[in-house]
Protein backbone atom coordinates (compact mmCIF):
# COMPACT_ATOMS: atom_id res chain seq x y z
CA UNK A 1 -0.01 0.01 0.01
CA UNK A 2 1.38 3.42 -0.96
CA UNK A 3 2.05 5.98 1.68
CA UNK A 4 -0.30 9.06 1.39
CA UNK A 5 2.34 11.43 0.14
CA UNK A 6 3.40 9.14 -2.66
CA UNK A 7 -0.17 8.37 -3.58
CA UNK A 8 -0.92 12.16 -3.68
CA UNK A 9 2.10 12.76 -5.90
CA UNK A 10 0.97 10.04 -8.35
CA UNK A 11 -2.54 11.55 -8.38
CA UNK A 12 -1.13 14.93 -9.24
CA UNK A 13 0.89 13.47 -12.10
CA UNK A 14 -2.12 11.66 -13.47
CA UNK A 15 -4.81 14.28 -12.90
CA UNK A 16 -3.10 17.70 -13.08
CA UNK A 17 0.24 17.14 -14.83
CA UNK A 18 0.17 20.62 -16.42
CA UNK A 19 -0.85 22.68 -13.33
CA UNK A 20 2.06 24.13 -11.27
CA UNK A 21 -0.43 25.18 -8.53
CA UNK A 22 -1.36 21.55 -7.98
CA UNK A 23 2.26 20.56 -7.36
CA UNK A 24 2.83 23.59 -5.09
CA UNK A 25 -0.29 22.58 -3.12
CA UNK A 26 1.08 18.99 -2.87
CA UNK A 27 4.34 20.33 -1.36
CA UNK A 28 2.38 22.38 1.23
CA UNK A 29 0.18 19.46 2.12
CA UNK A 30 3.09 16.98 2.60
CA UNK A 31 6.12 19.02 3.83
CA UNK A 32 9.23 17.16 4.89
CA UNK A 33 8.21 14.05 2.87
CA UNK A 34 9.42 12.48 -0.39
CA UNK A 35 6.56 14.25 -2.20
CA UNK A 36 8.50 17.51 -2.10
CA UNK A 37 11.62 16.37 -4.12
CA UNK A 38 9.43 14.27 -6.50
CA UNK A 39 7.15 17.26 -7.05
CA UNK A 40 10.14 19.55 -7.76
CA UNK A 41 11.54 16.99 -10.20
CA UNK A 42 8.29 17.04 -12.14
CA UNK A 43 8.27 20.85 -12.02
CA UNK A 44 11.74 21.14 -13.46
CA UNK A 45 10.94 18.61 -16.18
CA UNK A 46 7.97 20.84 -17.16
CA UNK A 47 10.26 23.81 -17.62
CA UNK A 48 13.03 22.02 -19.58
CA UNK A 49 11.17 22.20 -22.97
CA UNK A 50 10.55 25.97 -22.70
CA UNK A 51 14.10 26.95 -21.78
CA UNK A 52 15.02 28.03 -25.31
CA UNK A 53 11.96 30.32 -25.50
CA UNK A 54 12.61 32.11 -22.19
CA UNK A 55 14.76 35.00 -23.56
CA UNK A 56 12.18 36.05 -26.05
CA UNK A 57 8.91 35.27 -24.31
CA UNK A 58 7.60 36.94 -21.21
CA UNK A 59 4.78 34.44 -21.13
CA UNK A 60 7.26 31.52 -20.96
CA UNK A 61 9.23 33.35 -18.29
CA UNK A 62 6.04 33.64 -16.20
CA UNK A 63 5.07 30.07 -16.74
CA UNK A 64 8.61 28.93 -15.60
CA UNK A 65 8.21 31.21 -12.60
CA UNK A 66 4.99 29.43 -11.56
CA UNK A 67 6.69 25.98 -12.02
CA UNK A 68 9.97 26.81 -10.25
CA UNK A 69 8.98 29.09 -7.43
CA UNK A 70 6.34 28.88 -4.63
CA UNK A 71 4.62 31.99 -5.93
CA UNK A 72 1.08 31.78 -7.24
CA UNK A 73 -0.57 32.93 -10.46
CA UNK A 74 -1.61 36.50 -10.13
CA UNK A 75 -3.58 37.13 -13.27
CA UNK A 76 -2.88 40.51 -14.74
CA UNK A 77 0.85 41.30 -14.48
CA UNK A 78 2.60 44.68 -14.28
CA UNK A 79 4.86 45.63 -17.11
CA UNK A 80 7.88 46.77 -15.08
CA UNK A 81 10.00 43.71 -15.80
CA UNK A 82 9.86 39.94 -16.00
CA UNK A 83 9.85 37.57 -12.96
CA UNK A 84 13.46 36.35 -13.44
CA UNK A 85 15.22 39.67 -13.16
CA UNK A 86 17.01 38.25 -10.03
CA UNK A 87 18.57 35.39 -12.09
CA UNK A 88 20.03 35.23 -15.60
CA UNK A 89 17.73 33.15 -17.77
CA UNK A 90 20.65 31.01 -18.74
CA UNK A 91 20.86 29.76 -15.15
CA UNK A 92 17.24 28.85 -14.63
CA UNK A 93 17.82 25.06 -15.13
CA UNK A 94 20.89 25.01 -12.88
CA UNK A 95 18.84 26.89 -10.13
CA UNK A 96 16.08 24.32 -10.55
CA UNK A 97 18.49 21.41 -10.16
CA UNK A 98 19.83 22.88 -6.93
CA UNK A 99 16.25 23.53 -5.73
CA UNK A 100 15.49 19.84 -6.15
CA UNK A 101 18.59 18.83 -4.24
CA UNK A 102 17.52 21.12 -1.36
CA UNK A 103 14.15 19.37 -1.31
CA UNK A 104 15.90 16.05 -0.60
CA UNK A 105 17.44 17.72 2.43
CA UNK A 106 14.29 19.36 3.68
CA UNK A 107 13.84 16.64 6.37
CA UNK A 108 16.20 13.95 7.72
CA UNK A 109 13.60 11.24 7.30
CA UNK A 110 13.34 11.66 3.58
CA UNK A 111 15.19 8.65 2.08
CA UNK A 112 18.13 9.98 0.11
CA UNK A 113 19.48 6.77 -1.30
CA UNK A 114 17.84 7.16 -4.74
CA UNK A 115 19.07 10.78 -4.99
CA UNK A 116 22.51 9.74 -3.97
CA UNK A 117 22.63 7.01 -6.56
CA UNK A 118 21.46 9.45 -9.32
CA UNK A 119 24.09 12.02 -8.58
CA UNK A 120 26.85 9.48 -8.44
CA UNK A 121 26.22 8.88 -12.11
CA UNK A 122 28.97 10.63 -14.14
CA UNK A 123 26.27 12.40 -16.12
CA UNK A 124 25.32 14.29 -12.99
CA UNK A 125 28.70 14.74 -11.56
CA UNK A 126 28.34 18.50 -11.41
CA UNK A 127 25.52 18.06 -8.86
CA UNK A 128 27.71 16.01 -6.57
CA UNK A 129 29.98 18.94 -6.38
CA UNK A 130 27.34 21.34 -5.08
CA UNK A 131 27.10 21.80 -1.27
CA UNK A 132 23.63 20.23 -1.40
CA UNK A 133 24.92 17.32 -3.43
CA UNK A 134 27.77 16.70 -0.98
CA UNK A 135 25.29 16.65 1.88
CA UNK A 136 23.09 14.12 0.04
CA UNK A 137 26.18 11.95 -0.34
CA UNK A 138 27.38 12.50 3.26
CA UNK A 139 27.34 9.66 5.82
CA UNK A 140 24.54 9.50 8.40
CA UNK A 141 26.98 8.20 10.87
CA UNK A 142 27.41 10.57 13.86
CA UNK A 143 30.85 11.89 14.83
CA UNK A 144 32.04 14.24 17.55
CA UNK A 145 30.62 17.68 16.85
CA UNK A 146 32.01 21.15 17.60
CA UNK A 147 29.32 23.78 17.05
CA UNK A 148 31.46 26.69 18.33
CA UNK A 149 32.45 27.85 14.81
CA UNK A 150 28.80 27.81 13.63
CA UNK A 151 27.79 29.69 16.79
CA UNK A 152 30.37 32.35 15.93
CA UNK A 153 29.13 32.68 12.40
CA UNK A 154 25.50 33.03 13.45
CA UNK A 155 26.33 35.59 16.17
CA UNK A 156 28.34 37.71 13.74
CA UNK A 157 25.54 37.40 11.12
CA UNK A 158 23.05 38.77 13.64
CA UNK A 159 25.44 41.44 14.93
CA UNK A 160 26.08 42.76 11.48
CA UNK A 161 22.46 43.35 10.68
CA UNK A 162 21.56 44.56 14.15
CA UNK A 163 24.22 47.30 14.00
CA UNK A 164 22.29 50.40 13.13
CA UNK A 165 24.49 53.12 14.71
CA UNK A 166 28.08 54.03 13.84
CA UNK A 167 29.39 52.76 17.14
CA UNK A 168 27.64 49.47 16.66
CA UNK A 169 28.97 49.09 13.18
CA UNK A 170 32.47 49.83 14.49
CA UNK A 171 32.20 47.12 17.10
CA UNK A 172 31.08 44.66 14.37
CA UNK A 173 34.00 45.49 12.16
CA UNK A 174 36.29 45.09 15.17
CA UNK A 175 34.76 41.59 15.87
CA UNK A 176 35.51 40.60 12.30
CA UNK A 177 39.22 41.60 12.63
CA UNK A 178 39.54 39.50 15.73
CA UNK A 179 38.59 36.32 13.85
CA UNK A 180 41.28 33.67 13.67
CA UNK A 181 43.22 34.06 10.37
CA UNK A 182 41.20 37.10 9.59
CA UNK A 183 43.68 38.23 6.99
CA UNK A 184 43.19 34.98 5.09
CA UNK A 185 39.37 35.46 5.02
CA UNK A 186 39.55 38.17 2.39
CA UNK A 187 37.38 41.17 1.81
CA UNK A 188 34.23 39.40 2.97
CA UNK A 189 35.35 37.48 6.08
CA UNK A 190 31.98 36.34 7.31
CA UNK A 191 31.00 34.96 3.91
CA UNK A 192 34.25 33.07 3.68
CA UNK A 193 33.93 31.83 7.23
CA UNK A 194 30.37 30.64 6.85
CA UNK A 195 31.30 28.58 3.64
CA UNK A 196 34.26 27.10 5.54
CA UNK A 197 32.09 26.06 8.44
CA UNK A 198 29.48 24.71 6.00
CA UNK A 199 32.15 22.46 4.32
CA UNK A 200 33.67 21.30 7.62
CA UNK A 201 30.26 20.25 9.02
CA UNK A 202 29.28 18.63 5.76
CA UNK A 203 32.44 16.49 5.88
CA UNK A 204 31.69 15.31 9.44
CA UNK A 205 28.36 13.47 8.61
CA UNK A 206 25.56 12.76 11.06
CA UNK A 207 22.27 14.57 11.57
CA UNK A 208 23.54 17.41 13.77
CA UNK A 209 26.45 18.20 11.50
CA UNK A 210 24.28 18.08 8.43
CA UNK A 211 21.74 20.45 10.02
CA UNK A 212 24.54 22.76 11.06
CA UNK A 213 25.96 22.65 7.53
CA UNK A 214 22.67 23.56 6.05
CA UNK A 215 22.29 26.53 8.44
CA UNK A 216 25.76 27.82 7.52
CA UNK A 217 24.91 27.45 3.90
CA UNK A 218 21.79 29.56 4.23
CA UNK A 219 23.81 32.22 5.96
CA UNK A 220 26.27 32.20 3.07
CA UNK A 221 23.44 32.23 0.52
CA UNK A 222 21.93 35.25 2.24
CA UNK A 223 25.22 37.16 2.41
CA UNK A 224 25.83 36.65 -1.30
CA UNK A 225 22.74 35.40 -3.20
CA UNK A 226 24.83 34.86 -6.31
CA UNK A 227 26.60 31.79 -4.93
CA UNK A 228 23.31 29.83 -4.89
CA UNK A 229 20.25 31.76 -6.04
CA UNK A 230 16.81 30.94 -4.77
CA UNK A 231 13.75 31.98 -2.90
CA UNK A 232 14.05 29.23 -0.22
CA UNK A 233 16.73 30.40 2.15
CA UNK A 234 14.28 31.25 4.94
CA UNK A 235 12.50 27.97 4.38
CA UNK A 236 15.85 26.18 4.70
CA UNK A 237 16.47 27.96 8.06
CA UNK A 238 13.06 26.91 9.32
CA UNK A 239 13.87 23.25 8.45
CA UNK A 240 17.11 23.11 10.27
CA UNK A 241 15.84 22.13 13.73
CA UNK A 242 14.33 19.05 12.19
CA UNK A 243 17.94 17.72 11.90
CA UNK A 244 18.69 18.50 15.54
CA UNK A 245 16.42 20.46 17.95
CA UNK A 246 19.62 21.78 19.57
CA UNK A 247 20.17 23.92 16.49
CA UNK A 248 16.82 25.72 17.05
CA UNK A 249 18.39 28.71 18.88
CA UNK A 250 20.93 29.34 16.15
CA UNK A 251 18.23 29.01 13.45
CA UNK A 252 16.09 31.46 15.34
CA UNK A 253 18.99 34.06 15.43
CA UNK A 254 19.44 33.67 11.60
CA UNK A 255 15.72 34.28 11.17
CA UNK A 256 16.01 37.49 13.17
CA UNK A 257 19.04 38.59 11.09
CA UNK A 258 17.34 37.95 7.80
CA UNK A 259 14.21 39.77 8.83
CA UNK A 260 16.18 42.70 10.28
CA UNK A 261 18.07 42.99 6.96
CA UNK A 262 14.78 43.06 5.02
CA UNK A 263 13.17 45.61 7.34
CA UNK A 264 16.12 47.89 6.93
CA UNK A 265 16.36 47.51 3.17
CA UNK A 266 12.60 48.02 2.78
CA UNK A 267 12.77 51.30 4.66
CA UNK A 268 15.44 52.41 2.26
CA UNK A 269 13.36 51.25 -0.72
CA UNK A 270 10.36 53.21 0.50
CA UNK A 271 12.48 56.34 0.82
CA UNK A 272 13.70 55.95 -2.68
CA UNK A 273 10.40 54.76 -4.08
CA UNK A 274 12.16 51.68 -5.50
CA UNK A 275 11.87 48.07 -4.29
CA UNK A 276 12.98 46.04 -7.33
CA UNK A 277 16.26 44.85 -5.86
CA UNK A 278 14.53 43.84 -2.69
CA UNK A 279 11.59 41.80 -3.99
CA UNK A 280 13.39 38.38 -4.08
CA UNK A 281 14.56 38.66 -0.48
CA UNK A 282 11.16 39.76 0.73
CA UNK A 283 9.47 36.88 -1.20
CA UNK A 284 12.04 34.61 0.47
CA UNK A 285 11.32 35.68 4.11
CA UNK A 286 7.64 36.06 3.64
CA UNK A 287 7.45 32.56 2.23
CA UNK A 288 9.69 31.03 4.93
CA UNK A 289 8.84 33.03 7.95
CA UNK A 290 5.47 34.52 7.13
CA UNK A 291 2.41 32.92 5.62
CA UNK A 292 3.51 32.91 2.03
CA UNK A 293 0.89 33.26 -0.71
CA UNK A 294 2.66 35.96 -2.65
CA UNK A 295 1.69 36.29 -6.35
CA UNK A 296 4.25 36.00 -9.13
CA UNK A 297 3.65 39.68 -9.90
CA UNK A 298 5.55 40.50 -6.74
CA UNK A 299 8.85 39.74 -8.59
CA UNK A 300 7.82 42.12 -11.38
CA UNK A 301 7.22 45.19 -9.31
CA UNK A 302 9.80 47.93 -9.84
CA UNK A 303 8.03 50.61 -7.76
CA UNK A 304 5.77 50.15 -4.82
CA UNK A 305 2.04 50.76 -5.20
CA UNK A 306 -1.05 49.95 -3.16
CA UNK A 307 -1.26 46.38 -4.51
CA UNK A 308 2.34 45.80 -3.45
CA UNK A 309 1.60 46.61 0.18
CA UNK A 310 -1.63 44.55 0.13
CA UNK A 311 0.34 41.53 -1.16
CA UNK A 312 2.98 42.08 1.51
CA UNK A 313 0.71 42.59 4.42
CA UNK A 314 -1.30 39.40 3.61
CA UNK A 315 1.84 37.33 3.14
CA UNK A 316 3.12 38.60 6.48
CA UNK A 317 -0.11 37.61 8.25
CA UNK A 318 -0.91 41.21 9.15
CA UNK A 319 -4.16 43.16 8.62
CA UNK A 320 -4.66 44.21 5.00
CA UNK A 321 -2.89 47.42 4.20
CA UNK A 322 -2.25 49.48 1.11
CA UNK A 323 0.33 51.99 2.19
CA UNK A 324 4.06 51.98 2.75
CA UNK A 325 3.53 52.44 6.48
CA UNK A 326 1.36 49.27 6.43
CA UNK A 327 4.09 47.30 4.63
CA UNK A 328 6.84 48.47 7.02
CA UNK A 329 4.72 47.73 10.05
CA UNK A 330 4.00 44.18 8.72
CA UNK A 331 7.70 43.38 8.30
CA UNK A 332 8.62 44.82 11.64
CA UNK A 333 5.85 42.86 13.24
CA UNK A 334 7.28 39.63 11.84
CA UNK A 335 10.73 40.71 13.11
CA UNK A 336 9.36 41.42 16.62
CA UNK A 337 7.67 38.01 16.68
CA UNK A 338 10.91 36.32 15.59
CA UNK A 339 12.72 38.13 18.38
CA UNK A 340 10.18 36.84 20.94
CA UNK A 341 10.64 33.26 19.77
CA UNK A 342 14.45 33.64 19.87
CA UNK A 343 14.34 35.11 23.41
CA UNK A 344 12.48 32.02 24.65
CA UNK A 345 15.45 29.87 23.67
CA UNK A 346 18.91 29.18 25.15
CA UNK A 347 21.03 32.19 24.03
CA UNK A 348 24.36 33.54 25.11
CA UNK A 349 24.32 36.88 26.89
CA UNK A 350 25.66 38.65 23.77
CA UNK A 351 23.07 37.00 21.53
CA UNK A 352 20.21 37.86 23.96
CA UNK A 353 21.41 41.52 24.10
CA UNK A 354 21.47 41.79 20.24
CA UNK A 355 17.93 40.23 19.97
CA UNK A 356 16.49 42.48 22.68
CA UNK A 357 17.92 45.57 21.14
CA UNK A 358 16.53 44.56 17.71
CA UNK A 359 13.16 43.82 19.14
CA UNK A 360 13.04 47.23 20.93
CA UNK A 361 13.74 48.99 17.63
CA UNK A 362 11.26 46.94 15.67
CA UNK A 363 8.32 47.63 18.11
CA UNK A 364 6.58 50.92 17.72
C-alpha cells in the first residue's frame, strides 16, 4: 500500500500534470516528505522544454516562474519587468536542479538513497560537487561535533544586521578583525567563514552536523545570493531544527538577522520609491517566515504601489494594508515576533542583548 504522500504525488501526475499550482499545493500538504523532491523534479521537467523560448517570451518566463517558485498565479501582471530579473535566464535550469537537491534535504527522514545514486552517475557529476549534493552523499554516521564555529558565524551574522549606529557598526568590524586568520578570510570574512564552516560540518556526517551545515549554507546564500540563487533560504532555516532540535536557537537567530536585513532595506526602498532589488529577499522571508501566498507579480514590481503593500501585508499575516507604512509595520511585526521566539530559547548573553535591542527598535 502506498504511503499518502506518494499516492498524492501520483494523483497529481495523473490528474493535473500541467498545473504548477497543484504541485505547489502537494508540497504544502506534505512538507518534509518525499513528495517534495518528487514534485520539484516534475516541475523542473515541465520547464526544460521551454528553456530556449525564455529569452524572447515573457509568457514563458512567467510560466517557468510558476513552476519553479512557490509564488502563485496572479492574473494581470505589471509591465515593469519579468519575474526572473534576479537570475540570468541561462541559469534557470541550474537553479532548478539545486532547488530539487535542497528538497531532498528538507527533512532527515526523507530517504536519500535514490538521489545519492542518481548524482553518483557521471552524467550528473556536477550536482555531486554542489554543497547540497555533498550533503546528500554524506554519511549518516554521527561523529564528535563542535558547534562553536557555527555559533560564531551566526552571532556575527546577527550582529552585522543589528548594527544600526556608527558605534555598533564599528564594534562589528572590530569583531571581524579578531577572527582567527582574519587576513586569510579576504574582503568578505563572514561569507568566507560561513562557507568554511559549511564544508567542515558537511564532511563530518551525522544529523547534527548536516543540520549545522545547512544553516551555515543559508547564511552564506543570504550574504551573497549569487553563490546559490533561490527563494528558499528562509525555508531552509526553518527546516534546520528538524535535523537536531539543539540547532533551534541558532536557526532562530538567523531568522532574526534575515528579517532585520529586510526591514532595513525596505525602509530604504520606500524612501527611494524603488523596491525592485529587494523583492526576491522579501519573497524569501515572507514565504519562509510569514504565511506565503505571494503572487508572481511580486517579482515584477519595480516601484511600490497599493497592490504591493496589500500583497505584503497578507503574506506577513498582518491586517490588509495598502500604504508603505502598512508594509513596514508588517515586516517589523514579523521581526518582533521572531525576536520573541528567539528570546524564549537558550542564548548567550551577547546574543540575547542583540535580539532584545533589535526587538526594541522593531516595536513601535
